[in-house]
Amino acid sequence: MALLLCGVSIFAVPAFSQEKKDITSLPTEKLTLGHAVMCESIKDFMPENAAVVFSITIGKVSCFTAFDVVPEKTFIYHKWYHKDKPSTEKRLTLQPPSWASYSSIQLRETDKGPWRVEIYDQEGNLLHTLRFSITD
């Protein structure tokens, strides 16, 4: 019986070592959203006039996101919804070690009402939701 167990362990070890992955190539940090805000504009790559209610007269509104940790090149998505109906989706690239990005929409008279932007990682995990309104 002891010989049988030794024989099994001899064959088990090589099979296990073939399954072993190189963990040094895997990112040790997780994508981390540091700041997300709706704003009137972006100046010098920073949000200006952050708010939750915007006048239709400004003509454009932006969703700004800044990531404190970006372990590897990846993508995020800004999914824009007007009155709970999908409006547009923007795919944005992020680069390590930290990155900020934004998307914008042009406002039309029919865009008044409640909005939200859902921010997703490339695996489809919801990271954050921003809610805002467009008024007269």
C-alpha atoms as a PDB file:
ATOM      1  CA  MET A   1       0.000   0.000   0.000  1.00  0.00           C
ATOM      2  CA  ALA A   2       2.833   2.404   0.832  1.00  0.00           C
ATOM      3  CA  LEU A   3       4.392   1.751  -2.591  1.00  0.00           C
ATOM      4  CA  LEU A   4       1.050   2.403  -4.242  1.00  0.00           C
ATOM      5  CA  LEU A   5       0.721   5.757  -2.436  1.00  0.00           C
ATOM      6  CA  CYS A   6       4.268   6.734  -3.396  1.00  0.00           C
ATOM      7  CA  GLY A   7       3.541   5.852  -7.014  1.00  0.00           C
ATOM      8  CA  VAL A   8       0.438   8.036  -7.002  1.00  0.00           C
ATOM      9  CA  SER A   9       2.251  10.966  -5.461  1.00  0.00           C
ATOM     10  CA  ILE A  10       5.058  10.739  -8.028  1.00  0.00           C
ATOM     11  CA  PHE A  11       2.563  11.093 -10.849  1.00  0.00           C
ATOM     12  CA  ALA A  12       0.448  13.683  -9.040  1.00  0.00           C
ATOM     13  CA  VAL A  13       3.273  16.161  -8.530  1.00  0.00           C
ATOM     14  CA  PRO A  14       4.109  16.706 -12.229  1.00  0.00           C
ATOM     15  CA  ALA A  15       0.429  17.056 -13.091  1.00  0.00           C
ATOM     16  CA  PHE A  16       0.020  19.693 -10.378  1.00  0.00           C
ATOM     17  CA  SER A  17       3.103  21.635 -11.468  1.00  0.00           C
ATOM     18  CA  GLN A  18       1.793  21.822 -15.038  1.00  0.00           C
ATOM     19  CA  GLU A  19      -1.377  23.510 -13.755  1.00  0.00           C
ATOM     20  CA  LYS A  20       0.574  26.107 -11.780  1.00  0.00           C
ATOM     21  CA  LYS A  21       0.215  29.639 -13.183  1.00  0.00           C
ATOM     22  CA  ASP A  22       2.715  32.447 -13.084  1.00  0.00           C
ATOM     23  CA  ILE A  23       1.088  34.761 -10.533  1.00  0.00           C
ATOM     24  CA  THR A  24       3.692  37.482 -11.044  1.00  0.00           C
ATOM     25  CA  SER A  25       1.972  38.457 -14.308  1.00  0.00           C
ATOM     26  CA  LEU A  26      -1.418  38.922 -12.643  1.00  0.00           C
ATOM     27  CA  PRO A  27      -2.289  42.434 -11.410  1.00  0.00           C
ATOM     28  CA  THR A  28      -2.219  42.668  -7.625  1.00  0.00           C
ATOM     29  CA  GLU A  29      -4.273  45.845  -7.419  1.00  0.00           C
ATOM     30  CA  LYS A  30      -7.886  46.375  -8.384  1.00  0.00           C
ATOM     31  CA  LEU A  31      -9.290  49.114 -10.642  1.00  0.00           C
ATOM     32  CA  THR A  32     -10.363  51.858  -8.227  1.00  0.00           C
ATOM     33  CA  LEU A  33     -12.731  54.711  -9.055  1.00  0.00           C
ATOM     34  CA  GLY A  34     -11.540  57.717  -7.061  1.00  0.00           C
ATOM     35  CA  HIS A  35     -13.875  60.458  -8.266  1.00  0.00           C
ATOM     36  CA  ALA A  36     -16.969  60.667 -10.472  1.00  0.00           C
ATOM     37  CA  VAL A  37     -19.017  63.795 -11.119  1.00  0.00           C
ATOM     38  CA  MET A  38     -21.402  65.399 -13.594  1.00  0.00           C
ATOM     39  CA  CYS A  39     -20.288  68.834 -14.741  1.00  0.00           C
ATOM     40  CA  GLU A  40     -20.886  71.619 -17.252  1.00  0.00           C
ATOM     41  CA  SER A  41     -17.475  71.351 -18.881  1.00  0.00           C
ATOM     42  CA  ILE A  42     -13.933  70.008 -18.691  1.00  0.00           C
ATOM     43  CA  LYS A  43     -11.053  72.491 -18.512  1.00  0.00           C
ATOM     44  CA  ASP A  44      -7.401  71.437 -18.247  1.00  0.00           C
ATOM     45  CA  PHE A  45      -8.750  67.904 -17.854  1.00  0.00           C
ATOM     46  CA  MET A  46     -10.621  68.814 -14.667  1.00  0.00           C
ATOM     47  CA  PRO A  47     -14.406  69.085 -14.172  1.00  0.00           C
ATOM     48  CA  GLU A  48     -15.909  72.584 -13.983  1.00  0.00           C
ATOM     49  CA  ASN A  49     -19.219  73.545 -12.371  1.00  0.00           C
ATOM     50  CA  ALA A  50     -20.137  70.149 -10.952  1.00  0.00           C
ATOM     51  CA  ALA A  51     -23.847  69.855 -10.172  1.00  0.00           C
ATOM     52  CA  VAL A  52     -26.893  67.571 -10.184  1.00  0.00           C
ATOM     53  CA  VAL A  53     -29.224  70.011 -11.983  1.00  0.00           C
ATOM     54  CA  PHE A  54     -28.237  71.639 -15.287  1.00  0.00           C
ATOM     55  CA  SER A  55     -30.005  74.189 -17.476  1.00  0.00           C
ATOM     56  CA  ILE A  56     -30.749  73.168 -21.046  1.00  0.00           C
ATOM     57  CA  THR A  57     -29.163  76.488 -22.086  1.00  0.00           C
ATOM     58  CA  ILE A  58     -25.604  75.283 -21.311  1.00  0.00           C
ATOM     59  CA  GLY A  59     -25.816  73.050 -24.378  1.00  0.00           C
ATOM     60  CA  LYS A  60     -23.663  70.192 -23.103  1.00  0.00           C
ATOM     61  CA  VAL A  61     -23.125  68.121 -19.965  1.00  0.00           C
ATOM     62  CA  SER A  62     -20.161  65.863 -19.126  1.00  0.00           C
ATOM     63  CA  CYS A  63     -19.486  62.830 -16.954  1.00  0.00           C
ATOM     64  CA  PHE A  64     -15.972  62.958 -15.469  1.00  0.00           C
ATOM     65  CA  THR A  65     -14.331  59.890 -13.903  1.00  0.00           C
ATOM     66  CA  ALA A  66     -10.891  59.636 -12.289  1.00  0.00           C
ATOM     67  CA  PHE A  67      -9.328  56.335 -11.292  1.00  0.00           C
ATOM     68  CA  ASP A  68      -6.734  56.243  -8.492  1.00  0.00           C
ATOM     69  CA  VAL A  69      -5.553  52.758  -9.385  1.00  0.00           C
ATOM     70  CA  VAL A  70      -5.402  51.381 -12.919  1.00  0.00           C
ATOM     71  CA  PRO A  71      -3.376  48.154 -12.669  1.00  0.00           C
ATOM     72  CA  GLU A  72      -3.310  47.509 -16.432  1.00  0.00           C
ATOM     73  CA  LYS A  73      -4.675  48.965 -19.656  1.00  0.00           C
ATOM     74  CA  THR A  74      -8.432  48.490 -19.542  1.00  0.00           C
ATOM     75  CA  PHE A  75     -11.746  49.914 -20.667  1.00  0.00           C
ATOM     76  CA  ILE A  76     -14.698  51.426 -18.858  1.00  0.00           C
ATOM     77  CA  TYR A  77     -18.128  52.332 -20.127  1.00  0.00           C
ATOM     78  CA  HIS A  78     -20.282  55.393 -19.505  1.00  0.00           C
ATOM     79  CA  LYS A  79     -23.864  54.305 -20.173  1.00  0.00           C
ATOM     80  CA  TRP A  80     -26.197  57.309 -20.409  1.00  0.00           C
ATOM     81  CA  TYR A  81     -29.932  56.925 -19.655  1.00  0.00           C
ATOM     82  CA  HIS A  82     -32.697  59.515 -20.135  1.00  0.00           C
ATOM     83  CA  LYS A  83     -35.963  58.788 -18.307  1.00  0.00           C
ATOM     84  CA  ASP A  84     -34.716  55.210 -17.708  1.00  0.00           C
ATOM     85  CA  LYS A  85     -34.205  54.579 -21.444  1.00  0.00           C
ATOM     86  CA  PRO A  86     -30.725  54.002 -22.915  1.00  0.00           C
ATOM     87  CA  SER A  87     -29.462  57.090 -24.728  1.00  0.00           C
ATOM     88  CA  THR A  88     -25.811  56.400 -25.557  1.00  0.00           C
ATOM     89  CA  GLU A  89     -22.841  54.329 -24.450  1.00  0.00           C
ATOM     90  CA  LYS A  90     -19.232  55.513 -24.512  1.00  0.00           C
ATOM     91  CA  ARG A  91     -16.244  53.153 -24.273  1.00  0.00           C
ATOM     92  CA  LEU A  92     -13.234  54.842 -22.687  1.00  0.00           C
ATOM     93  CA  THR A  93      -9.651  53.573 -22.408  1.00  0.00           C
ATOM     94  CA  LEU A  94      -7.728  53.740 -19.121  1.00  0.00           C
ATOM     95  CA  GLN A  95      -3.947  53.454 -18.769  1.00  0.00           C
ATOM     96  CA  PRO A  96      -1.852  52.638 -15.662  1.00  0.00           C
ATOM     97  CA  PRO A  97      -1.042  53.765 -13.038  1.00  0.00           C
ATOM     98  CA  SER A  98      -3.926  56.275 -12.749  1.00  0.00           C
ATOM     99  CA  TRP A  99      -6.184  57.863 -15.340  1.00  0.00           C
ATOM    100  CA  ALA A 100      -9.063  60.293 -15.786  1.00  0.00           C
ATOM    101  CA  SER A 101     -11.557  60.276 -18.612  1.00  0.00           C
ATOM    102  CA  TYR A 102     -14.878  61.820 -19.534  1.00  0.00           C
ATOM    103  CA  SER A 103     -17.764  61.628 -21.946  1.00  0.00           C
ATOM    104  CA  SER A 104     -20.241  64.326 -22.948  1.00  0.00           C
ATOM    105  CA  ILE A 105     -23.596  64.745 -24.621  1.00  0.00           C
ATOM    106  CA  GLN A 106     -25.005  67.684 -26.548  1.00  0.00           C
ATOM    107  CA  LEU A 107     -28.333  68.836 -25.088  1.00  0.00           C
ATOM    108  CA  ARG A 108     -31.530  69.251 -27.113  1.00  0.00           C
ATOM    109  CA  GLU A 109     -34.889  70.610 -26.021  1.00  0.00           C
ATOM    110  CA  THR A 110     -36.232  67.045 -25.734  1.00  0.00           C
ATOM    111  CA  ASP A 111     -33.505  66.143 -23.206  1.00  0.00           C
ATOM    112  CA  LYS A 112     -35.206  67.797 -20.233  1.00  0.00           C
ATOM    113  CA  GLY A 113     -35.936  65.499 -17.329  1.00  0.00           C
ATOM    114  CA  PRO A 114     -34.111  62.903 -15.221  1.00  0.00           C
ATOM    115  CA  TRP A 115     -30.861  61.327 -16.367  1.00  0.00           C
ATOM    116  CA  ARG A 116     -28.298  58.898 -15.039  1.00  0.00           C
ATOM    117  CA  VAL A 117     -24.877  57.685 -16.108  1.00  0.00           C
ATOM    118  CA  GLU A 118     -23.834  54.193 -15.074  1.00  0.00           C
ATOM    119  CA  ILE A 119     -20.095  53.529 -15.002  1.00  0.00           C
ATOM    120  CA  TYR A 120     -19.030  49.942 -15.732  1.00  0.00           C
ATOM    121  CA  ASP A 121     -15.684  48.165 -15.906  1.00  0.00           C
ATOM    122  CA  GLN A 122     -14.795  46.015 -18.915  1.00  0.00           C
ATOM    123  CA  GLU A 123     -16.216  42.897 -17.242  1.00  0.00           C
ATOM    124  CA  GLY A 124     -19.618  44.563 -16.908  1.00  0.00           C
ATOM    125  CA  ASN A 125     -19.427  45.297 -13.175  1.00  0.00           C
ATOM    126  CA  LEU A 126     -21.286  48.446 -12.153  1.00  0.00           C
ATOM    127  CA  LEU A 127     -18.803  50.774 -10.444  1.00  0.00           C
ATOM    128  CA  HIS A 128     -20.981  53.824  -9.800  1.00  0.00           C
ATOM    129  CA  THR A 129     -24.179  55.610 -10.828  1.00  0.00           C
ATOM    130  CA  LEU A 130     -24.505  59.396 -11.198  1.00  0.00           C
ATOM    131  CA  ARG A 131     -28.001  60.921 -11.296  1.00  0.00           C
ATOM    132  CA  PHE A 132     -28.808  64.409 -12.581  1.00  0.00           C
ATOM    133  CA  SER A 133     -31.564  66.447 -14.225  1.00  0.00           C
ATOM    134  CA  ILE A 134     -31.839  68.794 -17.183  1.00  0.00           C
ATOM    135  CA  THR A 135     -34.240  71.736 -16.694  1.00  0.00           C
ATOM    136  CA  ASP A 136     -35.284  74.965 -18.468  1.00  0.00           C
END
